[in-house]
Amino acid sequence: MATRTRVENLSFIRTHTRPIPVPGLEPLVLWQADDVTPIWEATEADLQRERLDPPFWAFAWAGGMGLARFILDHPHLVMNRRVLDLACGSGIVGLSAAISGAARVTWNDIDPICEAAVELNADLNLADNQRPRVEWRGGDLLESGLDDFDIVLAGDVFYERQMADRFIACLKQARVRGSEVFAGDPGRAYAPREITVCARYTVPTCTSIENDREKTTAILAF
């Protein structure tokens, strides 16, 4: 099984995606693929693996878009606070927090290529004085307790039952320990139904990754 270096990950993203504005979140720009199938096949071929998860880092997914919009609309929630973008993918939610004045933004994902995607997307969107306030933390944080964050944000993480159960338990525990917790959910099958919905956003999507041209994302306040 092949493993890419950081430099190879950066090169792979630049080769297979391009900077594309995020509709409704201008002036945010992300390195994105135009279609899911070619980038998915390229990822599997490059890593010499089959049946990989979709390349979540290569698109602006509806849950993350809605949650990013919520943060940009309510910057006081993250201003001067320590923020975690959990299972960050492209990093769009953490970017919104950094732009909104967070004291520190930490991006996390189990997919190592997300670190390169976040680096490139931060280069596109963050001013020089915002860059020292951001960091990457890789690996699975769902069992760690997430003690050192004031705000925990998760966009679009309830799409598979077993993983959704782990996320829900982790997010509830983070809330018990004192963090404010918000998740963006565009109607995924395994989202928690008992959590308060504090906002809804209708966001544009592409039919290569969704079944419609727009989705309504609920912002869940744990």
Protein backbone atom coordinates (compact mmCIF):
# COMPACT_ATOMS: atom_id res chain seq x y z
CA MET A 1 0.00 0.00 0.00
CA ALA A 2 1.42 3.39 -1.01
CA THR A 3 1.65 6.28 1.43
CA ARG A 4 2.10 9.85 0.26
CA THR A 5 4.40 12.38 1.85
CA ARG A 6 3.19 15.87 2.66
CA VAL A 7 4.85 17.24 -0.48
CA GLU A 8 3.21 14.52 -2.57
CA ASN A 9 -0.17 15.28 -1.02
CA LEU A 10 0.18 18.96 -1.85
CA SER A 11 1.16 18.10 -5.42
CA PHE A 12 -1.72 15.62 -5.77
CA ILE A 13 -4.26 18.24 -4.70
CA ARG A 14 -2.85 20.89 -7.02
CA THR A 15 -2.93 18.39 -9.90
CA HIS A 16 -6.44 17.03 -9.42
CA THR A 17 -8.36 20.03 -8.05
CA ARG A 18 -8.52 23.77 -8.61
CA PRO A 19 -9.45 26.85 -6.55
CA ILE A 20 -13.22 27.31 -6.78
CA PRO A 21 -15.31 29.91 -4.89
CA VAL A 22 -17.81 28.43 -2.44
CA PRO A 23 -21.33 29.56 -3.50
CA GLY A 24 -23.01 31.60 -0.80
CA LEU A 25 -19.78 31.85 1.20
CA GLU A 26 -17.89 34.30 -0.96
CA PRO A 27 -15.08 35.25 -0.77
CA LEU A 28 -14.17 31.77 0.56
CA VAL A 29 -12.29 29.71 -2.05
CA LEU A 30 -11.38 26.03 -1.75
CA TRP A 31 -9.26 23.64 -3.79
CA GLN A 32 -12.07 21.46 -5.15
CA ALA A 33 -12.64 18.73 -7.71
CA ASP A 34 -15.19 19.25 -10.49
CA ASP A 35 -16.59 15.71 -10.19
CA VAL A 36 -16.36 13.01 -7.53
CA THR A 37 -15.63 9.98 -9.75
CA PRO A 38 -12.32 11.10 -11.36
CA ILE A 39 -10.82 12.37 -8.09
CA TRP A 40 -11.99 9.23 -6.25
CA GLU A 41 -10.43 6.97 -8.90
CA ALA A 42 -7.22 9.02 -8.92
CA THR A 43 -6.96 8.75 -5.13
CA GLU A 44 -7.41 4.98 -5.19
CA ALA A 45 -4.90 4.57 -8.01
CA ASP A 46 -2.33 6.81 -6.33
CA LEU A 47 -2.61 4.97 -3.00
CA GLN A 48 -2.94 1.55 -4.69
CA ARG A 49 -6.09 0.82 -2.70
CA GLU A 50 -9.72 0.08 -3.52
CA ARG A 51 -13.01 0.93 -1.79
CA LEU A 52 -11.68 4.07 -0.13
CA ASP A 53 -14.11 6.50 1.43
CA PRO A 54 -15.08 9.42 -0.83
CA PRO A 55 -12.48 12.23 -0.96
CA PHE A 56 -14.26 14.44 1.56
CA TRP A 57 -11.43 16.99 1.42
CA ALA A 58 -12.09 17.72 -2.28
CA PHE A 59 -15.56 19.25 -1.96
CA ALA A 60 -17.58 21.73 0.08
CA TRP A 61 -20.19 19.42 1.61
CA ALA A 62 -23.59 20.73 2.61
CA GLY A 63 -23.20 20.23 6.35
CA GLY A 64 -19.90 22.08 6.43
CA MET A 65 -21.20 24.87 4.21
CA GLY A 66 -24.18 25.49 6.47
CA LEU A 67 -22.06 25.41 9.62
CA ALA A 68 -19.48 27.76 8.08
CA ARG A 69 -22.27 30.18 7.17
CA PHE A 70 -23.58 29.99 10.74
CA ILE A 71 -20.16 30.87 12.17
CA LEU A 72 -19.66 33.75 9.74
CA ASP A 73 -23.12 35.04 10.68
CA HIS A 74 -22.38 34.72 14.43
CA PRO A 75 -18.67 35.56 14.83
CA HIS A 76 -19.11 36.29 18.54
CA LEU A 77 -19.43 32.53 19.13
CA VAL A 78 -15.77 31.96 18.22
CA MET A 79 -14.19 35.37 18.81
CA ASN A 80 -11.05 34.99 20.96
CA ARG A 81 -11.87 31.34 21.69
CA ARG A 82 -10.17 27.99 21.05
CA VAL A 83 -11.98 26.16 18.24
CA LEU A 84 -11.81 22.58 16.97
CA ASP A 85 -12.95 21.69 13.45
CA LEU A 86 -13.55 17.96 14.00
CA ALA A 87 -13.41 15.66 10.95
CA CYS A 88 -12.59 18.77 8.97
CA GLY A 89 -12.29 17.52 5.38
CA SER A 90 -11.42 20.62 3.36
CA GLY A 91 -11.27 22.73 6.53
CA ILE A 92 -14.09 25.05 5.53
CA VAL A 93 -15.61 25.27 9.01
CA GLY A 94 -12.31 26.06 10.69
CA LEU A 95 -11.56 28.67 8.04
CA SER A 96 -14.81 30.44 8.92
CA ALA A 97 -13.77 30.42 12.58
CA ALA A 98 -10.30 31.78 11.82
CA ILE A 99 -11.76 34.55 9.67
CA SER A 100 -14.23 35.34 12.46
CA GLY A 101 -11.46 36.00 15.00
CA ALA A 102 -10.93 32.74 16.87
CA ALA A 103 -7.96 32.78 19.23
CA ARG A 104 -6.84 29.39 17.91
CA VAL A 105 -8.27 27.00 15.32
CA THR A 106 -7.32 23.34 15.32
CA TRP A 107 -8.24 21.19 12.34
CA ASN A 108 -8.57 17.43 12.76
CA ASP A 109 -9.20 14.51 10.43
CA ILE A 110 -8.17 10.86 10.22
CA ASP A 111 -7.32 11.25 6.51
CA PRO A 112 -3.74 12.60 6.27
CA ILE A 113 -4.35 14.30 2.92
CA CYS A 114 -6.74 16.65 4.72
CA GLU A 115 -3.72 18.29 6.36
CA ALA A 116 -2.42 19.27 2.92
CA ALA A 117 -5.90 20.38 1.82
CA VAL A 118 -6.26 22.57 4.90
CA GLU A 119 -2.79 24.05 4.32
CA LEU A 120 -3.61 24.97 0.74
CA ASN A 121 -7.05 26.30 1.61
CA ALA A 122 -5.63 28.37 4.46
CA ASP A 123 -3.14 29.86 2.00
CA LEU A 124 -6.06 30.91 -0.20
CA ASN A 125 -8.23 32.41 2.54
CA LEU A 126 -6.28 33.58 5.59
CA ALA A 127 -4.30 36.76 6.03
CA ASP A 128 -0.73 36.56 7.32
CA ASN A 129 -1.76 37.72 10.80
CA GLN A 130 -4.33 34.90 11.03
CA ARG A 131 -1.94 32.06 10.17
CA PRO A 132 -0.11 31.82 13.55
CA ARG A 133 -3.47 31.06 15.22
CA VAL A 134 -4.10 27.81 13.32
CA GLU A 135 -2.79 24.26 13.73
CA TRP A 136 -3.31 20.69 12.58
CA ARG A 137 -3.94 17.68 14.82
CA GLY A 138 -4.28 14.38 12.96
CA GLY A 139 -5.73 11.04 13.99
CA ASP A 140 -8.87 9.88 15.77
CA LEU A 141 -9.82 12.31 18.56
CA LEU A 142 -13.21 10.81 19.37
CA GLU A 143 -11.95 9.02 22.47
CA SER A 144 -9.72 11.83 23.76
CA GLY A 145 -12.29 13.96 25.55
CA LEU A 146 -11.53 17.16 23.60
CA ASP A 147 -10.73 19.00 26.83
CA ASP A 148 -8.73 21.92 25.47
CA PHE A 149 -11.36 23.57 23.24
CA ASP A 150 -13.97 26.21 23.97
CA ILE A 151 -15.94 25.42 20.79
CA VAL A 152 -16.21 22.08 18.97
CA LEU A 153 -17.58 22.20 15.41
CA ALA A 154 -18.46 19.21 13.22
CA GLY A 155 -19.83 19.47 9.69
CA ASP A 156 -21.61 16.55 8.00
CA VAL A 157 -20.48 13.63 10.16
CA PHE A 158 -23.71 11.61 10.55
CA TYR A 159 -23.74 9.73 7.24
CA GLU A 160 -22.83 6.21 8.51
CA ARG A 161 -24.41 4.56 11.57
CA GLN A 162 -21.41 3.29 13.52
CA MET A 163 -19.37 6.45 12.95
CA ALA A 164 -22.37 8.70 13.68
CA ASP A 165 -22.88 6.96 17.03
CA ARG A 166 -19.24 7.62 17.94
CA PHE A 167 -19.48 11.28 16.91
CA ILE A 168 -22.70 11.82 18.83
CA ALA A 169 -21.24 10.30 22.00
CA CYS A 170 -18.06 12.39 21.66
CA LEU A 171 -19.91 15.63 20.99
CA LYS A 172 -22.27 15.10 23.92
CA GLN A 173 -19.31 14.39 26.19
CA ALA A 174 -17.53 17.53 24.98
CA ARG A 175 -20.63 19.53 25.91
CA VAL A 176 -20.74 17.95 29.37
CA ARG A 177 -17.09 18.93 29.85
CA GLY A 178 -17.88 22.56 29.11
CA SER A 179 -17.33 23.10 25.38
CA GLU A 180 -19.99 24.66 23.22
CA VAL A 181 -20.78 22.19 20.46
CA PHE A 182 -22.38 22.76 17.06
CA ALA A 183 -22.85 20.34 14.17
CA GLY A 184 -24.09 20.89 10.63
CA ASP A 185 -26.48 18.25 9.30
CA PRO A 186 -28.17 18.29 5.86
CA GLY A 187 -30.59 15.50 6.72
CA ARG A 188 -28.22 12.53 6.94
CA ALA A 189 -29.82 9.26 7.99
CA TYR A 190 -28.06 8.87 11.33
CA ALA A 191 -28.15 12.42 12.70
CA PRO A 192 -29.44 12.76 16.27
CA ARG A 193 -33.09 13.80 16.38
CA GLU A 194 -33.25 15.04 19.98
CA ILE A 195 -30.69 17.86 19.58
CA THR A 196 -31.86 21.48 19.41
CA VAL A 197 -31.87 23.05 15.93
CA CYS A 198 -30.72 26.64 16.32
CA ALA A 199 -30.65 27.63 12.62
CA ARG A 200 -31.23 26.30 9.12
CA TYR A 201 -29.45 27.25 5.90
CA THR A 202 -30.29 26.24 2.35
CA VAL A 203 -26.99 25.80 0.53
CA PRO A 204 -26.19 25.04 -3.12
CA THR A 205 -24.62 21.67 -3.84
CA CYS A 206 -23.46 19.76 -6.91
CA THR A 207 -25.20 16.65 -8.19
CA SER A 208 -21.93 14.73 -8.42
CA ILE A 209 -21.89 14.42 -4.60
CA GLU A 210 -25.53 14.98 -3.63
CA ASN A 211 -28.93 13.99 -4.99
CA ASP A 212 -30.09 17.57 -5.44
CA ARG A 213 -28.78 21.00 -6.41
CA GLU A 214 -29.42 22.39 -2.93
CA LYS A 215 -29.76 21.02 0.59
CA THR A 216 -31.08 22.48 3.81
CA THR A 217 -28.55 22.17 6.61
CA ALA A 218 -29.71 22.20 10.22
CA ILE A 219 -27.33 23.64 12.78
CA LEU A 220 -27.52 21.37 15.84
CA ALA A 221 -26.64 22.94 19.19
CA PHE A 222 -25.64 20.19 21.60
